[in-house]
């Protein structure tokens, strides 16, 4: 069983209903993509319901953490407690995507922040709003990244691989115990991997591939291939 953690905060429903509905549709699309690429069933679990005990109850073999639109300030420490513990304890293959990567980094006491300085006068920014604001540094759309090391996660990808980006925050320093696996011109930490456990994070969205740019599907297949290794 795959567990796909839905990280979107429920307040998005009130802030932008259309975007909330879009996020629900994306969740289902991604679930079916994960099932097809891994040949395993996948369940969606809300971020405040996930824990190591829950993974054991459903016999999870791998975990994927979604991105999200709203800023980290919307989330309480209480509701994130199980997820943060999971980031520290998990020995199963885990892939944290975009904002999920940033929370993974924070769980390991690494700093996160905006890609560039935020213009004065702007407040209450979140990914739902920044795409149409000039002066906010961001990566949006399909863009190249550069793999820094030869790693199983990036096997069989063309050089340079192209992935979908949608962020204006980034991880500012490498968490202890992790290595940088990929970078880009605008974001120094595009992917990280733990040295001893199958824990990974990507700033880009491998799940948002399409027919023209399919590198994300290959990376996900590489991730899912780790499941058998972790069970042996």
Protein backbone atom coordinates (compact mmCIF):
# COMPACT_ATOMS: atom_id res chain seq x y z
CA UNK A 1 0.00 0.00 0.00
CA UNK A 2 1.21 3.48 -0.90
CA UNK A 3 0.25 6.39 1.37
CA UNK A 4 -0.12 9.79 -0.29
CA UNK A 5 -0.26 12.57 2.29
CA UNK A 6 -2.55 15.47 1.35
CA UNK A 7 -0.81 18.59 2.65
CA UNK A 8 -3.28 21.24 1.47
CA UNK A 9 -4.65 23.35 4.32
CA UNK A 10 -8.44 23.40 4.59
CA UNK A 11 -8.52 27.22 4.68
CA UNK A 12 -7.82 27.24 0.96
CA UNK A 13 -11.50 26.28 0.57
CA UNK A 14 -12.50 29.71 1.92
CA UNK A 15 -9.70 31.67 0.24
CA UNK A 16 -10.11 30.31 -3.29
CA UNK A 17 -12.77 27.65 -3.89
CA UNK A 18 -11.74 27.09 -7.52
CA UNK A 19 -8.15 26.47 -6.48
CA UNK A 20 -9.30 24.15 -3.70
CA UNK A 21 -11.29 22.13 -6.24
CA UNK A 22 -8.27 22.06 -8.53
CA UNK A 23 -6.11 20.73 -5.71
CA UNK A 24 -8.66 17.94 -5.10
CA UNK A 25 -8.60 16.98 -8.78
CA UNK A 26 -4.79 16.98 -8.79
CA UNK A 27 -4.75 14.68 -5.76
CA UNK A 28 -6.86 12.10 -7.57
CA UNK A 29 -4.83 12.40 -10.77
CA UNK A 30 -1.63 11.85 -8.81
CA UNK A 31 -3.07 8.92 -6.86
CA UNK A 32 -3.94 7.11 -10.08
CA UNK A 33 -0.55 7.94 -11.57
CA UNK A 34 1.22 6.52 -8.52
CA UNK A 35 -0.87 3.36 -8.70
CA UNK A 36 -0.13 2.89 -12.39
CA UNK A 37 3.61 3.54 -12.07
CA UNK A 38 4.07 1.38 -8.97
CA UNK A 39 1.47 -1.31 -9.64
CA UNK A 40 0.31 -0.89 -6.03
CA UNK A 41 -2.84 0.56 -4.43
CA UNK A 42 -2.59 4.08 -3.01
CA UNK A 43 -4.65 5.76 -0.29
CA UNK A 44 -4.85 9.51 0.39
CA UNK A 45 -4.43 10.59 4.01
CA UNK A 46 -4.78 14.10 5.44
CA UNK A 47 -1.61 15.65 6.86
CA UNK A 48 -2.96 15.77 10.43
CA UNK A 49 -3.83 12.05 10.40
CA UNK A 50 -0.49 10.57 9.35
CA UNK A 51 1.87 8.93 11.83
CA UNK A 52 4.27 6.00 12.05
CA UNK A 53 1.55 3.97 13.79
CA UNK A 54 -0.95 4.73 11.02
CA UNK A 55 1.53 3.56 8.37
CA UNK A 56 1.93 0.29 10.23
CA UNK A 57 -1.84 -0.18 10.49
CA UNK A 58 -2.31 0.08 6.70
CA UNK A 59 0.87 -1.90 5.89
CA UNK A 60 2.35 1.02 3.99
CA UNK A 61 5.39 0.26 1.84
CA UNK A 62 6.13 3.84 0.74
CA UNK A 63 5.00 7.40 1.49
CA UNK A 64 4.59 10.43 -0.77
CA UNK A 65 4.05 13.92 0.65
CA UNK A 66 2.18 16.40 -1.56
CA UNK A 67 2.90 20.05 -2.20
CA UNK A 68 0.41 22.74 -1.16
CA UNK A 69 -0.68 26.28 -1.98
CA UNK A 70 -0.94 28.00 1.39
CA UNK A 71 2.00 29.26 3.40
CA UNK A 72 3.52 27.22 6.26
CA UNK A 73 2.19 29.80 8.74
CA UNK A 74 -1.29 28.30 8.31
CA UNK A 75 -0.22 25.00 9.91
CA UNK A 76 -0.10 24.40 13.66
CA UNK A 77 2.66 22.42 15.34
CA UNK A 78 0.00 20.20 16.91
CA UNK A 79 -1.48 19.16 13.56
CA UNK A 80 1.98 18.54 12.09
CA UNK A 81 3.33 16.55 15.03
CA UNK A 82 2.75 13.10 13.52
CA UNK A 83 4.21 14.12 10.17
CA UNK A 84 7.30 15.70 11.74
CA UNK A 85 7.92 12.56 13.79
CA UNK A 86 7.53 10.50 10.62
CA UNK A 87 10.18 12.58 8.86
CA UNK A 88 12.59 11.73 11.69
CA UNK A 89 11.69 8.06 12.11
CA UNK A 90 10.58 6.67 8.75
CA UNK A 91 12.62 3.79 7.33
CA UNK A 92 10.29 3.18 4.37
CA UNK A 93 10.85 4.95 1.05
CA UNK A 94 9.51 8.49 1.42
CA UNK A 95 9.33 11.24 -1.20
CA UNK A 96 8.40 14.76 -0.08
CA UNK A 97 7.42 17.12 -2.90
CA UNK A 98 7.75 20.93 -3.04
CA UNK A 99 6.33 22.27 0.24
CA UNK A 100 6.67 18.71 1.54
CA UNK A 101 10.43 18.99 0.96
CA UNK A 102 10.47 22.22 2.93
CA UNK A 103 8.68 20.58 5.87
CA UNK A 104 11.08 17.63 5.68
CA UNK A 105 13.98 20.07 5.89
CA UNK A 106 12.40 21.88 8.84
CA UNK A 107 11.90 18.57 10.66
CA UNK A 108 15.68 18.16 10.42
CA UNK A 109 16.27 21.74 11.62
CA UNK A 110 17.24 23.25 8.26
CA UNK A 111 16.11 26.77 7.34
CA UNK A 112 13.66 27.60 4.56
CA UNK A 113 12.73 30.96 3.04
CA UNK A 114 11.70 32.83 -0.12
CA UNK A 115 13.80 32.49 -3.28
CA UNK A 116 14.36 36.26 -3.25
CA UNK A 117 13.44 39.32 -1.23
CA UNK A 118 9.71 40.05 -1.06
CA UNK A 119 8.88 43.56 -2.36
CA UNK A 120 7.80 45.96 0.35
CA UNK A 121 4.07 46.39 0.81
CA UNK A 122 3.24 42.78 0.00
CA UNK A 123 1.86 40.62 2.79
CA UNK A 124 -0.20 37.45 3.25
CA UNK A 125 1.44 35.93 0.20
CA UNK A 126 0.92 32.30 -0.69
CA UNK A 127 1.42 30.22 -3.80
CA UNK A 128 -2.22 30.77 -4.73
CA UNK A 129 -1.47 34.46 -5.32
CA UNK A 130 2.17 35.02 -6.25
CA UNK A 131 2.07 33.75 -9.83
CA UNK A 132 0.55 37.02 -11.05
CA UNK A 133 2.70 39.34 -8.90
CA UNK A 134 5.77 40.85 -10.54
CA UNK A 135 8.81 41.30 -8.35
CA UNK A 136 8.40 38.00 -6.48
CA UNK A 137 11.16 35.61 -7.51
CA UNK A 138 9.74 32.22 -8.39
CA UNK A 139 10.09 29.14 -10.57
CA UNK A 140 6.94 28.33 -12.53
CA UNK A 141 6.46 25.83 -15.36
CA UNK A 142 8.62 23.11 -16.87
CA UNK A 143 12.30 23.85 -16.30
CA UNK A 144 15.61 22.02 -16.31
CA UNK A 145 17.47 20.84 -13.25
CA UNK A 146 21.01 19.51 -12.94
CA UNK A 147 21.75 16.25 -11.14
CA UNK A 148 24.79 16.82 -8.90
CA UNK A 149 25.58 13.18 -8.17
CA UNK A 150 24.93 9.87 -9.87
CA UNK A 151 22.01 8.56 -7.88
CA UNK A 152 19.47 5.81 -8.41
CA UNK A 153 16.64 8.34 -8.22
CA UNK A 154 17.90 10.03 -11.40
CA UNK A 155 18.73 6.91 -13.42
CA UNK A 156 17.64 6.68 -17.06
CA UNK A 157 16.81 10.39 -17.30
CA UNK A 158 17.96 12.58 -20.14
CA UNK A 159 20.49 15.29 -19.34
CA UNK A 160 19.39 17.76 -18.24
CA UNK A 161 16.04 16.44 -17.00
CA UNK A 162 13.00 18.70 -17.12
CA UNK A 163 10.44 18.86 -14.31
CA UNK A 164 7.46 21.04 -13.43
CA UNK A 165 8.17 23.84 -10.96
CA UNK A 166 5.73 25.86 -8.86
CA UNK A 167 7.35 27.59 -5.90
CA UNK A 168 8.67 30.85 -4.52
CA UNK A 169 10.16 29.41 -1.33
CA UNK A 170 13.12 27.06 -1.04
CA UNK A 171 15.28 25.10 1.37
CA UNK A 172 18.15 27.38 2.37
CA UNK A 173 20.58 24.82 3.81
CA UNK A 174 21.19 21.10 3.52
CA UNK A 175 19.67 19.20 6.48
CA UNK A 176 22.08 17.13 8.56
CA UNK A 177 22.41 13.62 7.19
CA UNK A 178 21.28 14.56 3.66
CA UNK A 179 23.08 15.24 0.38
CA UNK A 180 22.02 17.54 -2.44
CA UNK A 181 21.06 15.41 -5.45
CA UNK A 182 20.01 18.14 -7.88
CA UNK A 183 20.13 21.89 -8.29
CA UNK A 184 19.03 24.61 -10.74
CA UNK A 185 20.09 28.11 -11.69
CA UNK A 186 17.41 29.67 -9.49
CA UNK A 187 17.28 27.17 -6.62
CA UNK A 188 20.39 25.55 -5.13
CA UNK A 189 18.51 22.67 -3.48
CA UNK A 190 16.19 20.99 -5.99
CA UNK A 191 16.47 17.48 -4.55
CA UNK A 192 17.95 15.88 -1.45
CA UNK A 193 18.48 12.33 -0.27
CA UNK A 194 19.30 10.90 3.15
CA UNK A 195 22.63 9.11 3.41
CA UNK A 196 21.34 6.15 5.43
CA UNK A 197 17.59 5.91 4.84
CA UNK A 198 15.42 6.05 1.68
CA UNK A 199 14.17 9.59 2.44
CA UNK A 200 14.01 12.02 -0.46
CA UNK A 201 12.65 15.45 -1.22
CA UNK A 202 12.22 17.35 -4.48
CA UNK A 203 11.47 21.04 -4.86
CA UNK A 204 10.08 20.28 -8.32
CA UNK A 205 6.90 18.27 -8.97
CA UNK A 206 7.70 14.89 -10.58
CA UNK A 207 4.01 13.96 -10.41
CA UNK A 208 3.07 16.85 -12.74
CA UNK A 209 4.52 15.35 -15.92
CA UNK A 210 2.85 15.37 -19.32
CA UNK A 211 3.40 13.85 -22.79
CA UNK A 212 6.03 16.45 -23.75
CA UNK A 213 7.92 16.40 -20.48
CA UNK A 214 7.83 12.90 -19.01
CA UNK A 215 10.96 12.89 -16.83
CA UNK A 216 8.78 13.07 -13.72
CA UNK A 217 7.24 9.68 -14.47
CA UNK A 218 10.70 8.13 -14.84
CA UNK A 219 11.85 9.59 -11.52
CA UNK A 220 8.74 8.24 -9.81
CA UNK A 221 9.40 4.78 -11.26
CA UNK A 222 12.92 5.00 -9.88
CA UNK A 223 11.51 5.92 -6.47
CA UNK A 224 9.01 3.07 -6.51
CA UNK A 225 11.79 0.63 -7.44
CA UNK A 226 13.23 1.29 -3.96
CA UNK A 227 10.25 -0.41 -2.33
CA UNK A 228 11.46 -3.93 -2.97
CA UNK A 229 14.97 -3.09 -1.77
CA UNK A 230 13.57 -1.71 1.50
CA UNK A 231 11.59 -4.92 2.09
CA UNK A 232 14.52 -7.28 1.63
